[in-house]
Amino acid sequence: MRGLRQFSHHPQDGIATLGTAGTYVILGVEPGTLPFNITQLILPELTLTGSRYSSRHELRETIDLVARGLVRPVVGARVAPENVGQLLDMLERCALLGRGAIV
């Protein structure tokens, strides 16, 4: 995965590493707060989002399985950023097997 970084205890450090228009995804749920300067998101047009899809532990296990070649992710389509509309069309038609990748 391009640009995949893991910051287990300090998400603000991860946010600081993003380039212009970068996205930081928080996986899983941990108690606490996320202190950061809001202009750190606004000025470089960053996106901060959360995912309830899996816990951090499950993500680590998944990455390990893929890295060891025990699981191969199903990527049904790969498109260039300018063709992302094709992926959206496939999703609407339920014609995308697995995941779509923007490369």
Foldseek 3Di string as FASTA:
>chain_A
DPPDDDDPPAVQVVLQPDAQQEEDEAEADDDDDHDDDVVSCVVSVYHYYYDDPDHPVVVVVVVVCVVVVVDDFDAQEEEEPVVVVVVVVCVVVVNGDGHHHHD
